[in-house]
Structures are given as structure tokens and as C-alpha cells.
Amino acid sequence: MRFYQNPHHPFPHVYIHRAFCKNLFLHGITPDVVIIESKNIPRPDAITLWVELLNEGWKKSKPLWLY
């Protein structure tokens, strides 16, 4: 999943993209990504989701795809 601020929304919102990569993100930043799901949610909801994912064992990483 990728979280980033939506600069076009009048209230603080965050884009969240869930993606799949046929190369399994093993080769650093890649353009070979298929976006499976995309959401634009309020920032507090994104923070809640982020904390839940970390508690489930997800790890923070550097950006892994170009867009």
C-alpha cells in the first residue's frame, strides 16, 4: 500500500493505493505495478488504517513504485 497526501482536496485527505507487482518489488523502484484499489480518505482515517496495518505486522518501506 502507498499513502500520500492529496494536494487537490480542500480538507486534509490521503490517497491510498494498493498495488501488485509481478516482480514482487525485489528490484527497488519499479514502473511494473498494477493498482488493485485506490481510495481517497480523510487524514484521520488514513492514520487509523496505518496504525492498524503496523499492528498487523506490515512494515514501513521506502517508495517502491513510480506513480
PDB file of N, CA and C in Angstrom:
ATOM      1  N   MET A   1       0.844  -1.170   0.000  1.00  0.00           N
ATOM      2  CA  MET A   1       0.000   0.000   0.000  1.00  0.00           C
ATOM      3  C   MET A   1       0.890   1.234   0.000  1.00  0.00           C
ATOM      4  N   ARG A   2       0.377   2.256  -0.633  1.00  0.00           N
ATOM      5  CA  ARG A   2       1.106   3.516  -0.661  1.00  0.00           C
ATOM      6  C   ARG A   2       0.171   4.615  -0.166  1.00  0.00           C
ATOM      7  N   PHE A   3       0.643   5.408   0.773  1.00  0.00           N
ATOM      8  CA  PHE A   3      -0.112   6.513   1.344  1.00  0.00           C
ATOM      9  C   PHE A   3       0.563   7.811   0.914  1.00  0.00           C
ATOM     10  N   TYR A   4      -0.213   8.759   0.402  1.00  0.00           N
ATOM     11  CA  TYR A   4       0.346  10.085   0.159  1.00  0.00           C
ATOM     12  C   TYR A   4      -0.745  11.136   0.156  1.00  0.00           C
ATOM     13  N   GLN A   5      -0.361  12.353   0.534  1.00  0.00           N
ATOM     14  CA  GLN A   5      -1.321  13.445   0.699  1.00  0.00           C
ATOM     15  C   GLN A   5      -1.939  13.851  -0.627  1.00  0.00           C
ATOM     16  N   ASN A   6      -3.240  14.126  -0.595  1.00  0.00           N
ATOM     17  CA  ASN A   6      -3.949  14.618  -1.768  1.00  0.00           C
ATOM     18  C   ASN A   6      -3.893  16.151  -1.742  1.00  0.00           C
ATOM     19  N   PRO A   7      -3.082  16.757  -2.593  1.00  0.00           N
ATOM     20  CA  PRO A   7      -2.943  18.220  -2.575  1.00  0.00           C
ATOM     21  C   PRO A   7      -4.125  18.942  -3.218  1.00  0.00           C
ATOM     22  N   HIS A   8      -5.035  18.226  -3.861  1.00  0.00           N
ATOM     23  CA  HIS A   8      -6.138  18.838  -4.583  1.00  0.00           C
ATOM     24  C   HIS A   8      -7.442  18.888  -3.795  1.00  0.00           C
ATOM     25  N   HIS A   9      -7.438  18.342  -2.607  1.00  0.00           N
ATOM     26  CA  HIS A   9      -8.665  18.295  -1.802  1.00  0.00           C
ATOM     27  C   HIS A   9      -8.636  19.452  -0.804  1.00  0.00           C
ATOM     28  N   PRO A  10      -9.773  20.142  -0.584  1.00  0.00           N
ATOM     29  CA  PRO A  10      -9.767  21.293   0.320  1.00  0.00           C
ATOM     30  C   PRO A  10      -9.535  20.939   1.789  1.00  0.00           C
ATOM     31  N   PHE A  11      -9.834  19.711   2.190  1.00  0.00           N
ATOM     32  CA  PHE A  11      -9.581  19.257   3.551  1.00  0.00           C
ATOM     33  C   PHE A  11      -8.480  18.208   3.483  1.00  0.00           C
ATOM     34  N   PRO A  12      -7.715  18.024   4.564  1.00  0.00           N
ATOM     35  CA  PRO A  12      -6.627  17.040   4.520  1.00  0.00           C
ATOM     36  C   PRO A  12      -7.140  15.625   4.207  1.00  0.00           C
ATOM     37  N   HIS A  13      -6.828  15.155   3.028  1.00  0.00           N
ATOM     38  CA  HIS A  13      -7.170  13.804   2.591  1.00  0.00           C
ATOM     39  C   HIS A  13      -5.901  13.090   2.148  1.00  0.00           C
ATOM     40  N   VAL A  14      -5.960  11.769   2.160  1.00  0.00           N
ATOM     41  CA  VAL A  14      -4.817  10.940   1.792  1.00  0.00           C
ATOM     42  C   VAL A  14      -5.254   9.948   0.727  1.00  0.00           C
ATOM     43  N   TYR A  15      -4.446   9.853  -0.329  1.00  0.00           N
ATOM     44  CA  TYR A  15      -4.637   8.794  -1.324  1.00  0.00           C
ATOM     45  C   TYR A  15      -4.009   7.523  -0.771  1.00  0.00           C
ATOM     46  N   ILE A  16      -4.694   6.419  -0.942  1.00  0.00           N
ATOM     47  CA  ILE A  16      -4.139   5.113  -0.578  1.00  0.00           C
ATOM     48  C   ILE A  16      -4.286   4.216  -1.794  1.00  0.00           C
ATOM     49  N   HIS A  17      -3.164   3.700  -2.260  1.00  0.00           N
ATOM     50  CA  HIS A  17      -3.171   2.776  -3.388  1.00  0.00           C
ATOM     51  C   HIS A  17      -2.684   1.414  -2.893  1.00  0.00           C
ATOM     52  N   ARG A  18      -3.404   0.383  -3.274  1.00  0.00           N
ATOM     53  CA  ARG A  18      -2.968  -0.993  -3.025  1.00  0.00           C
ATOM     54  C   ARG A  18      -2.575  -1.538  -4.377  1.00  0.00           C
ATOM     55  N   ALA A  19      -1.385  -2.099  -4.475  1.00  0.00           N
ATOM     56  CA  ALA A  19      -0.852  -2.491  -5.777  1.00  0.00           C
ATOM     57  C   ALA A  19      -0.222  -3.875  -5.741  1.00  0.00           C
ATOM     58  N   PHE A  20      -0.030  -4.404  -6.944  1.00  0.00           N
ATOM     59  CA  PHE A  20       0.611  -5.700  -7.165  1.00  0.00           C
ATOM     60  C   PHE A  20       1.737  -5.486  -8.165  1.00  0.00           C
ATOM     61  N   CYS A  21       2.851  -6.161  -7.957  1.00  0.00           N
ATOM     62  CA  CYS A  21       3.970  -6.084  -8.891  1.00  0.00           C
ATOM     63  C   CYS A  21       4.403  -7.498  -9.242  1.00  0.00           C
ATOM     64  N   LYS A  22       4.468  -7.792 -10.556  1.00  0.00           N
ATOM     65  CA  LYS A  22       4.864  -9.141 -10.969  1.00  0.00           C
ATOM     66  C   LYS A  22       6.289  -9.474 -10.556  1.00  0.00           C
ATOM     67  N   ASN A  23       7.121  -8.451 -10.300  1.00  0.00           N
ATOM     68  CA  ASN A  23       8.497  -8.675  -9.848  1.00  0.00           C
ATOM     69  C   ASN A  23       8.616  -8.671  -8.330  1.00  0.00           C
ATOM     70  N   LEU A  24       7.470  -8.604  -7.639  1.00  0.00           N
ATOM     71  CA  LEU A  24       7.410  -8.666  -6.181  1.00  0.00           C
ATOM     72  C   LEU A  24       8.199  -7.569  -5.487  1.00  0.00           C
ATOM     73  N   PHE A  25       8.413  -6.434  -6.160  1.00  0.00           N
ATOM     74  CA  PHE A  25       9.117  -5.282  -5.594  1.00  0.00           C
ATOM     75  C   PHE A  25      10.540  -5.640  -5.150  1.00  0.00           C
ATOM     76  N   LEU A  26      11.165  -6.596  -5.795  1.00  0.00           N
ATOM     77  CA  LEU A  26      12.505  -7.020  -5.398  1.00  0.00           C
ATOM     78  C   LEU A  26      13.617  -6.182  -6.004  1.00  0.00           C
ATOM     79  N   HIS A  27      13.316  -5.356  -6.970  1.00  0.00           N
ATOM     80  CA  HIS A  27      14.368  -4.641  -7.692  1.00  0.00           C
ATOM     81  C   HIS A  27      14.306  -3.136  -7.471  1.00  0.00           C
ATOM     82  N   GLY A  28      13.944  -2.683  -6.282  1.00  0.00           N
ATOM     83  CA  GLY A  28      13.862  -1.258  -5.999  1.00  0.00           C
ATOM     84  C   GLY A  28      12.625  -0.648  -6.624  1.00  0.00           C
ATOM     85  N   ILE A  29      12.708   0.629  -6.955  1.00  0.00           N
ATOM     86  CA  ILE A  29      11.570   1.335  -7.537  1.00  0.00           C
ATOM     87  C   ILE A  29      11.277   0.768  -8.918  1.00  0.00           C
ATOM     88  N   THR A  30      10.010   0.484  -9.182  1.00  0.00           N
ATOM     89  CA  THR A  30       9.626  -0.168 -10.428  1.00  0.00           C
ATOM     90  C   THR A  30       8.432   0.522 -11.076  1.00  0.00           C
ATOM     91  N   PRO A  31       8.367   0.528 -12.407  1.00  0.00           N
ATOM     92  CA  PRO A  31       7.174   1.021 -13.093  1.00  0.00           C
ATOM     93  C   PRO A  31       6.163  -0.100 -13.342  1.00  0.00           C
ATOM     94  N   ASP A  32       6.528  -1.347 -13.046  1.00  0.00           N
ATOM     95  CA  ASP A  32       5.706  -2.521 -13.358  1.00  0.00           C
ATOM     96  C   ASP A  32       4.698  -2.826 -12.256  1.00  0.00           C
ATOM     97  N   VAL A  33       3.783  -1.899 -12.025  1.00  0.00           N
ATOM     98  CA  VAL A  33       2.821  -2.039 -10.936  1.00  0.00           C
ATOM     99  C   VAL A  33       1.412  -1.989 -11.495  1.00  0.00           C
ATOM    100  N   VAL A  34       0.565  -2.820 -10.928  1.00  0.00           N
ATOM    101  CA  VAL A  34      -0.858  -2.802 -11.255  1.00  0.00           C
ATOM    102  C   VAL A  34      -1.589  -2.339 -10.001  1.00  0.00           C
ATOM    103  N   ILE A  35      -2.275  -1.197 -10.083  1.00  0.00           N
ATOM    104  CA  ILE A  35      -3.044  -0.694  -8.950  1.00  0.00           C
ATOM    105  C   ILE A  35      -4.319  -1.530  -8.839  1.00  0.00           C
ATOM    106  N   ILE A  36      -4.511  -2.152  -7.689  1.00  0.00           N
ATOM    107  CA  ILE A  36      -5.665  -3.006  -7.450  1.00  0.00           C
ATOM    108  C   ILE A  36      -6.817  -2.185  -6.879  1.00  0.00           C
ATOM    109  N   GLU A  37      -6.488  -1.264  -6.003  1.00  0.00           N
ATOM    110  CA  GLU A  37      -7.516  -0.472  -5.328  1.00  0.00           C
ATOM    111  C   GLU A  37      -6.956   0.915  -5.043  1.00  0.00           C
ATOM    112  N   SER A  38      -7.803   1.920  -5.135  1.00  0.00           N
ATOM    113  CA  SER A  38      -7.401   3.295  -4.862  1.00  0.00           C
ATOM    114  C   SER A  38      -8.493   3.965  -4.037  1.00  0.00           C
ATOM    115  N   LYS A  39      -8.081   4.637  -2.979  1.00  0.00           N
ATOM    116  CA  LYS A  39      -9.029   5.332  -2.103  1.00  0.00           C
ATOM    117  C   LYS A  39      -8.519   6.739  -1.852  1.00  0.00           C
ATOM    118  N   ASN A  40      -9.431   7.638  -1.559  1.00  0.00           N
ATOM    119  CA  ASN A  40      -9.117   8.988  -1.137  1.00  0.00           C
ATOM    120  C   ASN A  40      -9.906   9.210   0.148  1.00  0.00           C
ATOM    121  N   ILE A  41      -9.211   9.144   1.291  1.00  0.00           N
ATOM    122  CA  ILE A  41      -9.920   9.187   2.569  1.00  0.00           C
ATOM    123  C   ILE A  41      -9.407  10.328   3.447  1.00  0.00           C
ATOM    124  N   PRO A  42     -10.207  10.755   4.424  1.00  0.00           N
ATOM    125  CA  PRO A  42      -9.749  11.800   5.344  1.00  0.00           C
ATOM    126  C   PRO A  42      -8.480  11.366   6.092  1.00  0.00           C
ATOM    127  N   ARG A  43      -7.640  12.324   6.383  1.00  0.00           N
ATOM    128  CA  ARG A  43      -6.356  12.038   7.027  1.00  0.00           C
ATOM    129  C   ARG A  43      -6.496  11.249   8.337  1.00  0.00           C
ATOM    130  N   PRO A  44      -7.432  11.595   9.231  1.00  0.00           N
ATOM    131  CA  PRO A  44      -7.553  10.795  10.464  1.00  0.00           C
ATOM    132  C   PRO A  44      -7.866   9.319  10.190  1.00  0.00           C
ATOM    133  N   ASP A  45      -8.677   9.036   9.182  1.00  0.00           N
ATOM    134  CA  ASP A  45      -8.979   7.645   8.828  1.00  0.00           C
ATOM    135  C   ASP A  45      -7.737   6.942   8.276  1.00  0.00           C
ATOM    136  N   ALA A  46      -6.930   7.680   7.511  1.00  0.00           N
ATOM    137  CA  ALA A  46      -5.692   7.103   6.963  1.00  0.00           C
ATOM    138  C   ALA A  46      -4.712   6.775   8.084  1.00  0.00           C
ATOM    139  N   ILE A  47      -4.631   7.646   9.077  1.00  0.00           N
ATOM    140  CA  ILE A  47      -3.740   7.388  10.212  1.00  0.00           C
ATOM    141  C   ILE A  47      -4.201   6.155  10.976  1.00  0.00           C
ATOM    142  N   THR A  48      -5.504   6.023  11.172  1.00  0.00           N
ATOM    143  CA  THR A  48      -6.039   4.841  11.853  1.00  0.00           C
ATOM    144  C   THR A  48      -5.698   3.569  11.079  1.00  0.00           C
ATOM    145  N   LEU A  49      -5.891   3.607   9.763  1.00  0.00           N
ATOM    146  CA  LEU A  49      -5.563   2.448   8.929  1.00  0.00           C
ATOM    147  C   LEU A  49      -4.080   2.123   9.009  1.00  0.00           C
ATOM    148  N   TRP A  50      -3.228   3.147   8.948  1.00  0.00           N
ATOM    149  CA  TRP A  50      -1.765   2.980   9.023  1.00  0.00           C
ATOM    150  C   TRP A  50      -1.381   2.261  10.312  1.00  0.00           C
ATOM    151  N   VAL A  51      -1.936   2.710  11.433  1.00  0.00           N
ATOM    152  CA  VAL A  51      -1.632   2.098  12.734  1.00  0.00           C
ATOM    153  C   VAL A  51      -2.116   0.650  12.774  1.00  0.00           C
ATOM    154  N   GLU A  52      -3.304   0.382  12.245  1.00  0.00           N
ATOM    155  CA  GLU A  52      -3.819  -0.984  12.206  1.00  0.00           C
ATOM    156  C   GLU A  52      -2.908  -1.894  11.391  1.00  0.00           C
ATOM    157  N   LEU A  53      -2.452  -1.415  10.241  1.00  0.00           N
ATOM    158  CA  LEU A  53      -1.570  -2.222   9.400  1.00  0.00           C
ATOM    159  C   LEU A  53      -0.250  -2.518  10.111  1.00  0.00           C
ATOM    160  N   LEU A  54       0.322  -1.518  10.770  1.00  0.00           N
ATOM    161  CA  LEU A  54       1.569  -1.738  11.512  1.00  0.00           C
ATOM    162  C   LEU A  54       1.360  -2.750  12.635  1.00  0.00           C
ATOM    163  N   ASN A  55       0.220  -2.666  13.313  1.00  0.00           N
ATOM    164  CA  ASN A  55      -0.084  -3.617  14.394  1.00  0.00           C
ATOM    165  C   ASN A  55      -0.281  -5.035  13.868  1.00  0.00           C
ATOM    166  N   GLU A  56      -0.699  -5.163  12.602  1.00  0.00           N
ATOM    167  CA  GLU A  56      -0.888  -6.479  11.990  1.00  0.00           C
ATOM    168  C   GLU A  56       0.420  -7.059  11.465  1.00  0.00           C
ATOM    169  N   GLY A  57       1.501  -6.291  11.525  1.00  0.00           N
ATOM    170  CA  GLY A  57       2.788  -6.801  11.089  1.00  0.00           C
ATOM    171  C   GLY A  57       3.318  -6.203   9.795  1.00  0.00           C
ATOM    172  N   TRP A  58       2.584  -5.276   9.189  1.00  0.00           N
ATOM    173  CA  TRP A  58       3.089  -4.605   7.989  1.00  0.00           C
ATOM    174  C   TRP A  58       4.313  -3.787   8.381  1.00  0.00           C
ATOM    175  N   LYS A  59       5.209  -3.566   7.429  1.00  0.00           N
ATOM    176  CA  LYS A  59       6.427  -2.790   7.663  1.00  0.00           C
ATOM    177  C   LYS A  59       6.438  -1.550   6.778  1.00  0.00           C
ATOM    178  N   LYS A  60       6.978  -0.468   7.313  1.00  0.00           N
ATOM    179  CA  LYS A  60       7.158   0.759   6.538  1.00  0.00           C
ATOM    180  C   LYS A  60       8.347   0.550   5.604  1.00  0.00           C
ATOM    181  N   SER A  61       8.231   1.052   4.370  1.00  0.00           N
ATOM    182  CA  SER A  61       9.345   0.938   3.428  1.00  0.00           C
ATOM    183  C   SER A  61       9.486   2.238   2.655  1.00  0.00           C
ATOM    184  N   LYS A  62      10.564   2.336   1.923  1.00  0.00           N
ATOM    185  CA  LYS A  62      10.719   3.467   1.014  1.00  0.00           C
ATOM    186  C   LYS A  62       9.723   3.292  -0.135  1.00  0.00           C
ATOM    187  N   PRO A  63       9.474   4.336  -0.950  1.00  0.00           N
ATOM    188  CA  PRO A  63       8.582   4.176  -2.091  1.00  0.00           C
ATOM    189  C   PRO A  63       9.075   3.060  -3.030  1.00  0.00           C
ATOM    190  N   LEU A  64       8.148   2.222  -3.483  1.00  0.00           N
ATOM    191  CA  LEU A  64       8.523   1.080  -4.291  1.00  0.00           C
ATOM    192  C   LEU A  64       8.036   1.156  -5.736  1.00  0.00           C
ATOM    193  N   TRP A  65       7.212   2.160  -6.056  1.00  0.00           N
ATOM    194  CA  TRP A  65       6.813   2.309  -7.445  1.00  0.00           C
ATOM    195  C   TRP A  65       6.748   3.785  -7.797  1.00  0.00           C
ATOM    196  N   LEU A  66       6.710   4.066  -9.081  1.00  0.00           N
ATOM    197  CA  LEU A  66       6.903   5.411  -9.588  1.00  0.00           C
ATOM    198  C   LEU A  66       5.688   6.320  -9.498  1.00  0.00           C
ATOM    199  N   TYR A  67       4.490   5.790  -9.525  1.00  0.00           N
ATOM    200  CA  TYR A  67       3.310   6.657  -9.535  1.00  0.00           C
ATOM    201  C   TYR A  67       2.362   6.324  -8.434  1.00  0.00           C
TER     202      TYR A  67
END
